[in-house]
Amino acid sequence: MQEVENKYVETKSLSEQGLSWGMVSIHTYIKIAVIAAAVFLVFQREIYIVVSKWINDSSWSHGFIIPLFSLYFINQKKREILTTEFKASYLGFAALVFCIVAYSLTLFVYRFGYFQNVMIIPAIGAMVLFLGGWKLVKYAWLPVVYLIFSIPLPAKFYNDLTIPLRAHDAQIAAFLLNMVKGLEANASGVVIDIVYNGVKLEPGLDVAEACSGMRLLMAFLALGVAMAYLHYRPWWQRLILLGSTIPIAILCNVIRVVVTAFIYVLWDPVYAQGIYHDALGILMLPLAFGLYGLLAWFMSNLLVEETVQKEVIIRRKDS
């Protein structure tokens, strides 16, 4: 019996090792390459704009890792994809044509830049549907939708979000500064006017756009979705983890602004700006991960399910 079990384990191991993307036929890879090249040619202007934003705007520098996460998600479903027989869907081809037509309308008629950039994602989704039908969409929909985190928001909408966040952080920082003896702080919009030991500090502390928390919020939200997807948990725990990314990011940014304010007043204003300010912002990401991990640990230990392990005893008859 032990010999049979060893053969089963060996066969299973070989089967798992044999599953690789090399099993996909050359013909399939050629189809993917041709359709992907066509989509790239149609959307090359938008791809260039998006990538340039990643390079030149630190608020969206996380965009480079989003496609890598999408590819990783697909690789996580490698067994299901390679062991499923897919059938092309011409509905996907029709959807791809529709995406190209809609993109052309936004390019020459409506001229809505953000929509032009976003159209890349449904075009990729239509390509997936065309190549493998709904069975492939079942495994690839999240990696495709996840790409939305790589598309920069419109500048006006982005700024409209940052101003309330900056004002909110300024109010909290002023409240905490007023708890220190000899300090008087008053938040006016995004500027904190500070009086220390009867002397007004000039200039006031400006909660800059970099301190709005949007960079941390967008990056951590994207990573939070990835972690919630990769963790094998009940759906309600995944929803809680996903929902926690926003308050955790806001809390970490409030901590950053408050620490910056105390450095500005009680230490040296030089260390509240420039490279020191950026370094403090980078430190907030590990803090956010720590809080996220603490919440995940708490939920893992909140409800411990009792499992009954059954012992299987094999008796051999004496010959």
C-alpha atoms as a PDB file:
ATOM      1  CA  MET A   1       0.000   0.000   0.000  1.00  0.00           C
ATOM      2  CA  GLN A   2       2.905   2.327   0.800  1.00  0.00           C
ATOM      3  CA  GLU A   3       4.313   1.656  -2.663  1.00  0.00           C
ATOM      4  CA  VAL A   4       0.999   2.562  -4.307  1.00  0.00           C
ATOM      5  CA  GLU A   5       0.826   5.763  -2.263  1.00  0.00           C
ATOM      6  CA  ASN A   6       4.358   6.740  -3.274  1.00  0.00           C
ATOM      7  CA  LYS A   7       3.522   6.183  -6.948  1.00  0.00           C
ATOM      8  CA  TYR A   8       0.417   8.371  -6.570  1.00  0.00           C
ATOM      9  CA  VAL A   9       2.405  11.183  -4.965  1.00  0.00           C
ATOM     10  CA  GLU A  10       5.093  10.893  -7.637  1.00  0.00           C
ATOM     11  CA  THR A  11       2.524  10.976 -10.455  1.00  0.00           C
ATOM     12  CA  LYS A  12       0.774  13.965  -8.909  1.00  0.00           C
ATOM     13  CA  SER A  13       4.085  15.790  -8.468  1.00  0.00           C
ATOM     14  CA  LEU A  14       5.034  15.179 -12.085  1.00  0.00           C
ATOM     15  CA  SER A  15       1.609  16.374 -13.191  1.00  0.00           C
ATOM     16  CA  GLU A  16       2.003  19.610 -11.240  1.00  0.00           C
ATOM     17  CA  GLN A  17       5.515  20.143 -12.583  1.00  0.00           C
ATOM     18  CA  GLY A  18       4.299  19.555 -16.127  1.00  0.00           C
ATOM     19  CA  LEU A  19       1.866  22.463 -16.019  1.00  0.00           C
ATOM     20  CA  SER A  20       3.547  25.455 -17.604  1.00  0.00           C
ATOM     21  CA  TRP A  21       2.672  28.217 -20.030  1.00  0.00           C
ATOM     22  CA  GLY A  22       4.757  26.325 -22.568  1.00  0.00           C
ATOM     23  CA  MET A  23       1.793  23.969 -22.950  1.00  0.00           C
ATOM     24  CA  VAL A  24      -0.077  26.701 -24.804  1.00  0.00           C
ATOM     25  CA  SER A  25       0.173  26.196 -28.552  1.00  0.00           C
ATOM     26  CA  ILE A  26       2.227  28.468 -30.786  1.00  0.00           C
ATOM     27  CA  HIS A  27      -0.940  29.173 -32.763  1.00  0.00           C
ATOM     28  CA  THR A  28      -2.601  30.579 -29.634  1.00  0.00           C
ATOM     29  CA  TYR A  29       0.403  32.752 -28.824  1.00  0.00           C
ATOM     30  CA  ILE A  30       0.404  34.092 -32.378  1.00  0.00           C
ATOM     31  CA  LYS A  31      -3.298  35.009 -32.098  1.00  0.00           C
ATOM     32  CA  ILE A  32      -2.661  36.753 -28.773  1.00  0.00           C
ATOM     33  CA  ALA A  33       0.319  38.642 -30.228  1.00  0.00           C
ATOM     34  CA  VAL A  34      -1.569  39.775 -33.337  1.00  0.00           C
ATOM     35  CA  ILE A  35      -4.644  40.998 -31.423  1.00  0.00           C
ATOM     36  CA  ALA A  36      -2.495  42.611 -28.702  1.00  0.00           C
ATOM     37  CA  ALA A  37      -0.430  44.400 -31.365  1.00  0.00           C
ATOM     38  CA  ALA A  38      -3.617  45.698 -32.994  1.00  0.00           C
ATOM     39  CA  VAL A  39      -4.920  46.974 -29.649  1.00  0.00           C
ATOM     40  CA  PHE A  40      -1.536  48.588 -28.945  1.00  0.00           C
ATOM     41  CA  LEU A  41      -1.519  50.364 -32.301  1.00  0.00           C
ATOM     42  CA  VAL A  42      -5.007  51.746 -31.695  1.00  0.00           C
ATOM     43  CA  PHE A  43      -4.265  52.923 -28.144  1.00  0.00           C
ATOM     44  CA  GLN A  44      -0.560  53.746 -28.456  1.00  0.00           C
ATOM     45  CA  ARG A  45      -1.196  57.464 -27.862  1.00  0.00           C
ATOM     46  CA  GLU A  46      -3.046  56.763 -24.601  1.00  0.00           C
ATOM     47  CA  ILE A  47      -0.466  54.210 -23.473  1.00  0.00           C
ATOM     48  CA  TYR A  48       2.258  56.814 -24.004  1.00  0.00           C
ATOM     49  CA  ILE A  49       0.293  59.425 -22.009  1.00  0.00           C
ATOM     50  CA  VAL A  50      -0.341  57.021 -19.115  1.00  0.00           C
ATOM     51  CA  VAL A  51       3.268  55.786 -18.929  1.00  0.00           C
ATOM     52  CA  SER A  52       4.559  59.375 -19.096  1.00  0.00           C
ATOM     53  CA  LYS A  53       2.338  60.186 -16.115  1.00  0.00           C
ATOM     54  CA  TRP A  54       3.839  57.268 -14.202  1.00  0.00           C
ATOM     55  CA  ILE A  55       7.332  58.574 -14.917  1.00  0.00           C
ATOM     56  CA  ASN A  56       6.804  62.287 -14.292  1.00  0.00           C
ATOM     57  CA  ASP A  57       4.200  62.310 -11.495  1.00  0.00           C
ATOM     58  CA  SER A  58       5.185  60.586  -8.242  1.00  0.00           C
ATOM     59  CA  SER A  59       1.503  60.352  -7.291  1.00  0.00           C
ATOM     60  CA  TRP A  60       1.120  57.685  -9.985  1.00  0.00           C
ATOM     61  CA  SER A  61       4.540  56.036  -9.932  1.00  0.00           C
ATOM     62  CA  HIS A  62       2.886  52.894  -8.538  1.00  0.00           C
ATOM     63  CA  GLY A  63       1.325  52.433 -11.982  1.00  0.00           C
ATOM     64  CA  PHE A  64       4.373  50.446 -13.101  1.00  0.00           C
ATOM     65  CA  ILE A  65       3.673  47.586 -10.688  1.00  0.00           C
ATOM     66  CA  ILE A  66      -0.065  47.284 -11.426  1.00  0.00           C
ATOM     67  CA  PRO A  67       0.345  45.318 -14.722  1.00  0.00           C
ATOM     68  CA  LEU A  68       2.859  43.065 -12.945  1.00  0.00           C
ATOM     69  CA  PHE A  69       0.293  42.297 -10.252  1.00  0.00           C
ATOM     70  CA  SER A  70      -2.271  41.527 -12.971  1.00  0.00           C
ATOM     71  CA  LEU A  71       0.112  39.056 -14.591  1.00  0.00           C
ATOM     72  CA  TYR A  72       0.767  37.499 -11.184  1.00  0.00           C
ATOM     73  CA  PHE A  73      -2.974  37.095 -10.607  1.00  0.00           C
ATOM     74  CA  ILE A  74      -3.274  35.290 -13.938  1.00  0.00           C
ATOM     75  CA  ASN A  75      -0.342  33.043 -13.066  1.00  0.00           C
ATOM     76  CA  GLN A  76      -2.120  32.128  -9.818  1.00  0.00           C
ATOM     77  CA  LYS A  77      -4.899  30.669 -11.972  1.00  0.00           C
ATOM     78  CA  LYS A  78      -2.467  28.806 -14.220  1.00  0.00           C
ATOM     79  CA  ARG A  79      -3.778  25.330 -13.329  1.00  0.00           C
ATOM     80  CA  GLU A  80      -7.396  26.290 -14.027  1.00  0.00           C
ATOM     81  CA  ILE A  81      -6.520  28.060 -17.271  1.00  0.00           C
ATOM     82  CA  LEU A  82      -4.285  25.296 -18.640  1.00  0.00           C
ATOM     83  CA  THR A  83      -6.692  22.482 -17.750  1.00  0.00           C
ATOM     84  CA  THR A  84      -9.810  24.149 -19.160  1.00  0.00           C
ATOM     85  CA  GLU A  85     -10.875  23.930 -22.788  1.00  0.00           C
ATOM     86  CA  PHE A  86     -11.703  27.397 -24.063  1.00  0.00           C
ATOM     87  CA  LYS A  87     -13.746  28.413 -27.054  1.00  0.00           C
ATOM     88  CA  ALA A  88     -13.451  31.743 -28.834  1.00  0.00           C
ATOM     89  CA  SER A  89     -16.434  34.068 -28.581  1.00  0.00           C
ATOM     90  CA  TYR A  90     -17.304  36.357 -31.459  1.00  0.00           C
ATOM     91  CA  LEU A  91     -19.201  38.477 -28.957  1.00  0.00           C
ATOM     92  CA  GLY A  92     -15.751  39.456 -27.724  1.00  0.00           C
ATOM     93  CA  PHE A  93     -14.778  40.526 -31.239  1.00  0.00           C
ATOM     94  CA  ALA A  94     -17.941  42.650 -31.459  1.00  0.00           C
ATOM     95  CA  ALA A  95     -17.146  44.160 -28.043  1.00  0.00           C
ATOM     96  CA  LEU A  96     -13.604  44.945 -29.204  1.00  0.00           C
ATOM     97  CA  VAL A  97     -14.928  46.719 -32.306  1.00  0.00           C
ATOM     98  CA  PHE A  98     -17.373  48.644 -30.108  1.00  0.00           C
ATOM     99  CA  CYS A  99     -14.516  49.736 -27.816  1.00  0.00           C
ATOM    100  CA  ILE A 100     -12.518  51.007 -30.776  1.00  0.00           C
ATOM    101  CA  VAL A 101     -15.538  52.910 -32.152  1.00  0.00           C
ATOM    102  CA  ALA A 102     -16.294  54.410 -28.721  1.00  0.00           C
ATOM    103  CA  TYR A 103     -12.638  55.378 -28.373  1.00  0.00           C
ATOM    104  CA  SER A 104     -12.716  57.073 -31.780  1.00  0.00           C
ATOM    105  CA  LEU A 105     -15.767  59.099 -30.704  1.00  0.00           C
ATOM    106  CA  THR A 106     -14.006  60.294 -27.538  1.00  0.00           C
ATOM    107  CA  LEU A 107     -10.937  61.116 -29.599  1.00  0.00           C
ATOM    108  CA  PHE A 108     -12.576  63.172 -32.346  1.00  0.00           C
ATOM    109  CA  VAL A 109     -16.010  64.188 -31.020  1.00  0.00           C
ATOM    110  CA  TYR A 110     -16.322  64.318 -27.228  1.00  0.00           C
ATOM    111  CA  ARG A 111     -12.599  64.713 -26.390  1.00  0.00           C
ATOM    112  CA  PHE A 112     -12.790  63.350 -22.847  1.00  0.00           C
ATOM    113  CA  GLY A 113      -9.174  62.479 -22.035  1.00  0.00           C
ATOM    114  CA  TYR A 114      -9.759  60.254 -19.019  1.00  0.00           C
ATOM    115  CA  PHE A 115     -12.335  58.155 -20.868  1.00  0.00           C
ATOM    116  CA  GLN A 116      -9.866  57.708 -23.714  1.00  0.00           C
ATOM    117  CA  ASN A 117      -7.308  56.275 -21.290  1.00  0.00           C
ATOM    118  CA  VAL A 118      -9.836  54.051 -19.522  1.00  0.00           C
ATOM    119  CA  MET A 119     -11.028  52.542 -22.831  1.00  0.00           C
ATOM    120  CA  ILE A 120      -7.804  50.520 -22.902  1.00  0.00           C
ATOM    121  CA  ILE A 121      -9.157  48.301 -20.105  1.00  0.00           C
ATOM    122  CA  PRO A 122     -12.503  47.230 -21.659  1.00  0.00           C
ATOM    123  CA  ALA A 123     -10.614  46.683 -24.918  1.00  0.00           C
ATOM    124  CA  ILE A 124      -8.315  44.219 -23.121  1.00  0.00           C
ATOM    125  CA  GLY A 125     -11.369  42.592 -21.538  1.00  0.00           C
ATOM    126  CA  ALA A 126     -12.998  42.235 -24.964  1.00  0.00           C
ATOM    127  CA  MET A 127      -9.791  40.673 -26.267  1.00  0.00           C
ATOM    128  CA  VAL A 128      -9.897  38.102 -23.439  1.00  0.00           C
ATOM    129  CA  LEU A 129     -13.545  37.305 -24.230  1.00  0.00           C
ATOM    130  CA  PHE A 130     -12.745  36.932 -27.923  1.00  0.00           C
ATOM    131  CA  LEU A 131      -9.811  34.572 -27.315  1.00  0.00           C
ATOM    132  CA  GLY A 132     -11.269  32.290 -24.645  1.00  0.00           C
ATOM    133  CA  GLY A 133     -14.947  33.015 -24.187  1.00  0.00           C
ATOM    134  CA  TRP A 134     -16.681  33.384 -20.840  1.00  0.00           C
ATOM    135  CA  LYS A 135     -14.670  30.533 -19.308  1.00  0.00           C
ATOM    136  CA  LEU A 136     -11.477  32.550 -19.689  1.00  0.00           C
ATOM    137  CA  VAL A 137     -13.220  35.719 -18.487  1.00  0.00           C
ATOM    138  CA  LYS A 138     -14.075  33.817 -15.295  1.00  0.00           C
ATOM    139  CA  TYR A 139     -10.365  33.582 -14.447  1.00  0.00           C
ATOM    140  CA  ALA A 140      -9.097  36.814 -16.000  1.00  0.00           C
ATOM    141  CA  TRP A 141     -11.747  39.435 -15.135  1.00  0.00           C
ATOM    142  CA  LEU A 142     -10.076  40.611 -11.913  1.00  0.00           C
ATOM    143  CA  PRO A 143      -6.559  40.963 -13.405  1.00  0.00           C
ATOM    144  CA  VAL A 144      -8.104  43.046 -16.206  1.00  0.00           C
ATOM    145  CA  VAL A 145     -10.273  45.226 -13.946  1.00  0.00           C
ATOM    146  CA  TYR A 146      -7.304  45.673 -11.580  1.00  0.00           C
ATOM    147  CA  LEU A 147      -5.576  47.715 -14.290  1.00  0.00           C
ATOM    148  CA  ILE A 148      -7.921  50.614 -13.413  1.00  0.00           C
ATOM    149  CA  PHE A 149      -5.528  51.468 -10.571  1.00  0.00           C
ATOM    150  CA  SER A 150      -2.857  52.298 -13.147  1.00  0.00           C
ATOM    151  CA  ILE A 151      -4.957  54.926 -14.954  1.00  0.00           C
ATOM    152  CA  PRO A 152      -4.319  58.430 -13.534  1.00  0.00           C
ATOM    153  CA  LEU A 153      -7.420  60.328 -12.449  1.00  0.00           C
ATOM    154  CA  PRO A 154      -8.318  63.613 -14.193  1.00  0.00           C
ATOM    155  CA  ALA A 155      -6.293  66.484 -12.725  1.00  0.00           C
ATOM    156  CA  LYS A 156      -9.354  68.500 -11.676  1.00  0.00           C
ATOM    157  CA  PHE A 157     -11.007  65.542  -9.962  1.00  0.00           C
ATOM    158  CA  TYR A 158      -7.728  64.619  -8.278  1.00  0.00           C
ATOM    159  CA  ASN A 159      -7.235  68.157  -6.960  1.00  0.00           C
ATOM    160  CA  ASP A 160     -10.844  68.315  -5.756  1.00  0.00           C
ATOM    161  CA  LEU A 161     -10.115  65.240  -3.652  1.00  0.00           C
ATOM    162  CA  THR A 162      -6.792  66.442  -2.256  1.00  0.00           C
ATOM    163  CA  ILE A 163      -7.980  69.828  -0.943  1.00  0.00           C
ATOM    164  CA  PRO A 164     -10.523  68.407   1.578  1.00  0.00           C
ATOM    165  CA  LEU A 165      -7.961  65.826   2.710  1.00  0.00           C
ATOM    166  CA  ARG A 166      -5.330  68.518   3.240  1.00  0.00           C
ATOM    167  CA  ALA A 167      -7.772  70.699   5.187  1.00  0.00           C
ATOM    168  CA  HIS A 168      -8.832  67.704   7.298  1.00  0.00           C
ATOM    169  CA  ASP A 169      -5.213  66.854   8.142  1.00  0.00           C
ATOM    170  CA  ALA A 170      -4.475  70.501   8.978  1.00  0.00           C
ATOM    171  CA  GLN A 171      -7.385  70.616  11.449  1.00  0.00           C
ATOM    172  CA  ILE A 172      -6.235  67.485  13.261  1.00  0.00           C
ATOM    173  CA  ALA A 173      -2.606  68.644  13.368  1.00  0.00           C
ATOM    174  CA  ALA A 174      -3.675  72.030  14.789  1.00  0.00           C
ATOM    175  CA  PHE A 175      -5.794  70.310  17.449  1.00  0.00           C
ATOM    176  CA  LEU A 176      -2.874  68.157  18.600  1.00  0.00           C
ATOM    177  CA  LEU A 177      -0.415  71.062  18.519  1.00  0.00           C
ATOM    178  CA  ASN A 178      -2.702  73.031  20.836  1.00  0.00           C
ATOM    179  CA  MET A 179      -2.288  70.281  23.422  1.00  0.00           C
ATOM    180  CA  VAL A 180       1.386  71.209  23.824  1.00  0.00           C
ATOM    181  CA  LYS A 181       2.170  73.865  26.412  1.00  0.00           C
ATOM    182  CA  GLY A 182       3.286  77.143  24.844  1.00  0.00           C
ATOM    183  CA  LEU A 183       1.865  76.296  21.440  1.00  0.00           C
ATOM    184  CA  GLU A 184      -1.098  77.914  19.736  1.00  0.00           C
ATOM    185  CA  ALA A 185      -2.156  76.619  16.346  1.00  0.00           C
ATOM    186  CA  ASN A 186      -4.976  77.671  14.078  1.00  0.00           C
ATOM    187  CA  ALA A 187      -5.799  75.913  10.823  1.00  0.00           C
ATOM    188  CA  SER A 188      -7.003  78.133   8.016  1.00  0.00           C
ATOM    189  CA  GLY A 189      -7.768  75.972   5.012  1.00  0.00           C
ATOM    190  CA  VAL A 190      -4.587  74.037   4.302  1.00  0.00           C
ATOM    191  CA  VAL A 191      -2.286  76.401   6.239  1.00  0.00           C
ATOM    192  CA  ILE A 192      -1.556  76.099   9.968  1.00  0.00           C
ATOM    193  CA  ASP A 193      -0.670  79.390  11.668  1.00  0.00           C
ATOM    194  CA  ILE A 194       1.494  78.673  14.709  1.00  0.00           C
ATOM    195  CA  VAL A 195       2.449  80.807  17.713  1.00  0.00           C
ATOM    196  CA  TYR A 196       5.221  79.324  19.862  1.00  0.00           C
ATOM    197  CA  ASN A 197       6.060  80.952  23.205  1.00  0.00           C
ATOM    198  CA  GLY A 198       4.330  84.140  22.107  1.00  0.00           C
ATOM    199  CA  VAL A 199       6.197  84.336  18.782  1.00  0.00           C
ATOM    200  CA  LYS A 200       4.370  83.715  15.524  1.00  0.00           C
ATOM    201  CA  LEU A 201       6.280  81.379  13.243  1.00  0.00           C
ATOM    202  CA  GLU A 202       6.640  82.600   9.691  1.00  0.00           C
ATOM    203  CA  PRO A 203       5.710  81.308   7.266  1.00  0.00           C
ATOM    204  CA  GLY A 204       2.798  79.184   8.410  1.00  0.00           C
ATOM    205  CA  LEU A 205       2.934  75.443   7.928  1.00  0.00           C
ATOM    206  CA  ASP A 206       1.402  74.623   4.553  1.00  0.00           C
ATOM    207  CA  VAL A 207      -0.058  71.139   4.200  1.00  0.00           C
ATOM    208  CA  ALA A 208       1.140  70.696   0.642  1.00  0.00           C
ATOM    209  CA  GLU A 209      -0.422  68.555  -2.077  1.00  0.00           C
ATOM    210  CA  ALA A 210       2.194  65.908  -1.347  1.00  0.00           C
ATOM    211  CA  CYS A 211       0.781  65.707   2.193  1.00  0.00           C
ATOM    212  CA  SER A 212      -2.798  65.190   1.046  1.00  0.00           C
ATOM    213  CA  GLY A 213      -2.456  61.437   1.372  1.00  0.00           C
ATOM    214  CA  MET A 214      -3.735  60.714  -2.132  1.00  0.00           C
ATOM    215  CA  ARG A 215      -0.457  59.081  -3.130  1.00  0.00           C
ATOM    216  CA  LEU A 216      -0.576  56.752  -0.155  1.00  0.00           C
ATOM    217  CA  LEU A 217      -4.312  56.211  -0.566  1.00  0.00           C
ATOM    218  CA  MET A 218      -4.146  55.199  -4.237  1.00  0.00           C
ATOM    219  CA  ALA A 219      -1.074  52.988  -3.816  1.00  0.00           C
ATOM    220  CA  PHE A 220      -2.312  51.300  -0.644  1.00  0.00           C
ATOM    221  CA  LEU A 221      -5.803  50.786  -2.062  1.00  0.00           C
ATOM    222  CA  ALA A 222      -4.301  48.974  -5.051  1.00  0.00           C
ATOM    223  CA  LEU A 223      -2.096  46.836  -2.812  1.00  0.00           C
ATOM    224  CA  GLY A 224      -5.012  46.224  -0.450  1.00  0.00           C
ATOM    225  CA  VAL A 225      -7.105  44.798  -3.279  1.00  0.00           C
ATOM    226  CA  ALA A 226      -4.198  42.544  -4.246  1.00  0.00           C
ATOM    227  CA  MET A 227      -3.713  41.268  -0.695  1.00  0.00           C
ATOM    228  CA  ALA A 228      -7.438  40.727  -0.143  1.00  0.00           C
ATOM    229  CA  TYR A 229      -7.549  38.703  -3.362  1.00  0.00           C
ATOM    230  CA  LEU A 230      -4.477  36.604  -2.587  1.00  0.00           C
ATOM    231  CA  HIS A 231      -5.421  35.812   1.015  1.00  0.00           C
ATOM    232  CA  TYR A 232      -7.575  32.696   1.288  1.00  0.00           C
ATOM    233  CA  ARG A 233     -10.205  34.008   3.675  1.00  0.00           C
ATOM    234  CA  PRO A 234     -14.000  34.093   3.973  1.00  0.00           C
ATOM    235  CA  TRP A 235     -15.544  36.711   1.684  1.00  0.00           C
ATOM    236  CA  TRP A 236     -16.654  38.907   4.606  1.00  0.00           C
ATOM    237  CA  GLN A 237     -13.088  39.096   5.910  1.00  0.00           C
ATOM    238  CA  ARG A 238     -11.835  40.079   2.460  1.00  0.00           C
ATOM    239  CA  LEU A 239     -14.429  42.857   2.288  1.00  0.00           C
ATOM    240  CA  ILE A 240     -13.377  44.173   5.704  1.00  0.00           C
ATOM    241  CA  LEU A 241      -9.701  44.095   4.728  1.00  0.00           C
ATOM    242  CA  LEU A 242     -10.473  45.864   1.468  1.00  0.00           C
ATOM    243  CA  GLY A 243     -12.620  48.494   3.187  1.00  0.00           C
ATOM    244  CA  SER A 244      -9.952  49.083   5.827  1.00  0.00           C
ATOM    245  CA  THR A 245      -7.414  50.320   3.273  1.00  0.00           C
ATOM    246  CA  ILE A 246      -9.034  53.769   3.043  1.00  0.00           C
ATOM    247  CA  PRO A 247      -9.201  54.614   6.788  1.00  0.00           C
ATOM    248  CA  ILE A 248      -5.733  53.105   7.343  1.00  0.00           C
ATOM    249  CA  ALA A 249      -4.248  55.257   4.564  1.00  0.00           C
ATOM    250  CA  ILE A 250      -5.967  58.384   5.917  1.00  0.00           C
ATOM    251  CA  LEU A 251      -4.799  57.621   9.479  1.00  0.00           C
ATOM    252  CA  CYS A 252      -1.193  57.117   8.355  1.00  0.00           C
ATOM    253  CA  ASN A 253      -1.247  60.385   6.452  1.00  0.00           C
ATOM    254  CA  VAL A 254      -2.650  62.232   9.486  1.00  0.00           C
ATOM    255  CA  ILE A 255       0.262  60.809  11.500  1.00  0.00           C
ATOM    256  CA  ARG A 256       2.650  62.066   8.831  1.00  0.00           C
ATOM    257  CA  VAL A 257       1.237  65.605   8.920  1.00  0.00           C
ATOM    258  CA  VAL A 258       1.224  65.712  12.732  1.00  0.00           C
ATOM    259  CA  VAL A 259       4.833  64.476  12.969  1.00  0.00           C
ATOM    260  CA  THR A 260       5.865  67.011  10.310  1.00  0.00           C
ATOM    261  CA  ALA A 261       4.155  69.781  12.288  1.00  0.00           C
ATOM    262  CA  PHE A 262       5.955  68.865  15.508  1.00  0.00           C
ATOM    263  CA  ILE A 263       9.298  68.693  13.677  1.00  0.00           C
ATOM    264  CA  TYR A 264       8.589  72.106  12.136  1.00  0.00           C
ATOM    265  CA  VAL A 265       7.835  73.709  15.511  1.00  0.00           C
ATOM    266  CA  LEU A 266       9.879  71.869  18.117  1.00  0.00           C
ATOM    267  CA  TRP A 267      12.948  70.837  16.163  1.00  0.00           C
ATOM    268  CA  ASP A 268      14.027  72.458  12.909  1.00  0.00           C
ATOM    269  CA  PRO A 269      11.892  73.536   9.908  1.00  0.00           C
ATOM    270  CA  VAL A 270      14.650  72.228   7.624  1.00  0.00           C
ATOM    271  CA  TYR A 271      13.754  68.653   8.575  1.00  0.00           C
ATOM    272  CA  ALA A 272      10.087  69.222   7.730  1.00  0.00           C
ATOM    273  CA  GLN A 273      10.688  69.660   4.014  1.00  0.00           C
ATOM    274  CA  GLY A 274      12.605  68.328   1.058  1.00  0.00           C
ATOM    275  CA  ILE A 275      14.159  64.888   1.256  1.00  0.00           C
ATOM    276  CA  TYR A 276      13.302  64.524   4.950  1.00  0.00           C
ATOM    277  CA  HIS A 277       9.651  65.186   4.228  1.00  0.00           C
ATOM    278  CA  ASP A 278       9.671  62.634   1.397  1.00  0.00           C
ATOM    279  CA  ALA A 279      11.428  60.053   3.581  1.00  0.00           C
ATOM    280  CA  LEU A 280       8.745  60.445   6.242  1.00  0.00           C
ATOM    281  CA  GLY A 281       6.122  59.832   3.572  1.00  0.00           C
ATOM    282  CA  ILE A 282       7.867  56.629   2.469  1.00  0.00           C
ATOM    283  CA  LEU A 283       7.876  55.387   6.073  1.00  0.00           C
ATOM    284  CA  MET A 284       4.092  55.613   6.162  1.00  0.00           C
ATOM    285  CA  LEU A 285       3.719  52.696   3.739  1.00  0.00           C
ATOM    286  CA  PRO A 286       5.341  50.144   6.111  1.00  0.00           C
ATOM    287  CA  LEU A 287       3.199  51.591   8.906  1.00  0.00           C
ATOM    288  CA  ALA A 288       0.082  51.097   6.779  1.00  0.00           C
ATOM    289  CA  PHE A 289       1.114  47.511   6.031  1.00  0.00           C
ATOM    290  CA  GLY A 290       1.694  46.921   9.740  1.00  0.00           C
ATOM    291  CA  LEU A 291      -1.793  48.131  10.649  1.00  0.00           C
ATOM    292  CA  TYR A 292      -3.273  46.083   7.815  1.00  0.00           C
ATOM    293  CA  GLY A 293      -1.414  42.998   8.993  1.00  0.00           C
ATOM    294  CA  LEU A 294      -2.559  43.596  12.571  1.00  0.00           C
ATOM    295  CA  LEU A 295      -6.173  43.722  11.412  1.00  0.00           C
ATOM    296  CA  ALA A 296      -5.691  40.548   9.356  1.00  0.00           C
ATOM    297  CA  TRP A 297      -4.158  38.768  12.367  1.00  0.00           C
ATOM    298  CA  PHE A 298      -6.999  39.925  14.606  1.00  0.00           C
ATOM    299  CA  MET A 299      -9.621  38.560  12.222  1.00  0.00           C
ATOM    300  CA  SER A 300      -7.752  35.280  11.844  1.00  0.00           C
ATOM    301  CA  ASN A 301      -7.872  34.799  15.603  1.00  0.00           C
ATOM    302  CA  LEU A 302     -11.303  36.308  16.159  1.00  0.00           C
ATOM    303  CA  LEU A 303     -13.150  33.173  15.119  1.00  0.00           C
ATOM    304  CA  VAL A 304     -11.343  29.905  15.489  1.00  0.00           C
ATOM    305  CA  GLU A 305     -13.201  27.095  13.847  1.00  0.00           C
ATOM    306  CA  GLU A 306     -12.927  23.736  15.556  1.00  0.00           C
ATOM    307  CA  THR A 307     -11.735  21.032  13.256  1.00  0.00           C
ATOM    308  CA  VAL A 308     -12.019  17.389  13.974  1.00  0.00           C
ATOM    309  CA  GLN A 309      -9.141  15.397  12.670  1.00  0.00           C
ATOM    310  CA  LYS A 310      -9.988  11.856  11.793  1.00  0.00           C
ATOM    311  CA  GLU A 311      -7.307   9.297  12.229  1.00  0.00           C
ATOM    312  CA  VAL A 312      -7.220   6.584   9.661  1.00  0.00           C
ATOM    313  CA  ILE A 313      -5.748   3.362  10.949  1.00  0.00           C
ATOM    314  CA  ILE A 314      -4.703   0.762   8.431  1.00  0.00           C
ATOM    315  CA  ARG A 315      -4.446  -2.750   9.740  1.00  0.00           C
ATOM    316  CA  ARG A 316      -2.755  -5.500   7.906  1.00  0.00           C
ATOM    317  CA  LYS A 317      -3.898  -9.037   8.265  1.00  0.00           C
ATOM    318  CA  ASP A 318      -1.334 -11.396   9.510  1.00  0.00           C
ATOM    319  CA  SER A 319      -0.514 -13.873   6.846  1.00  0.00           C
END
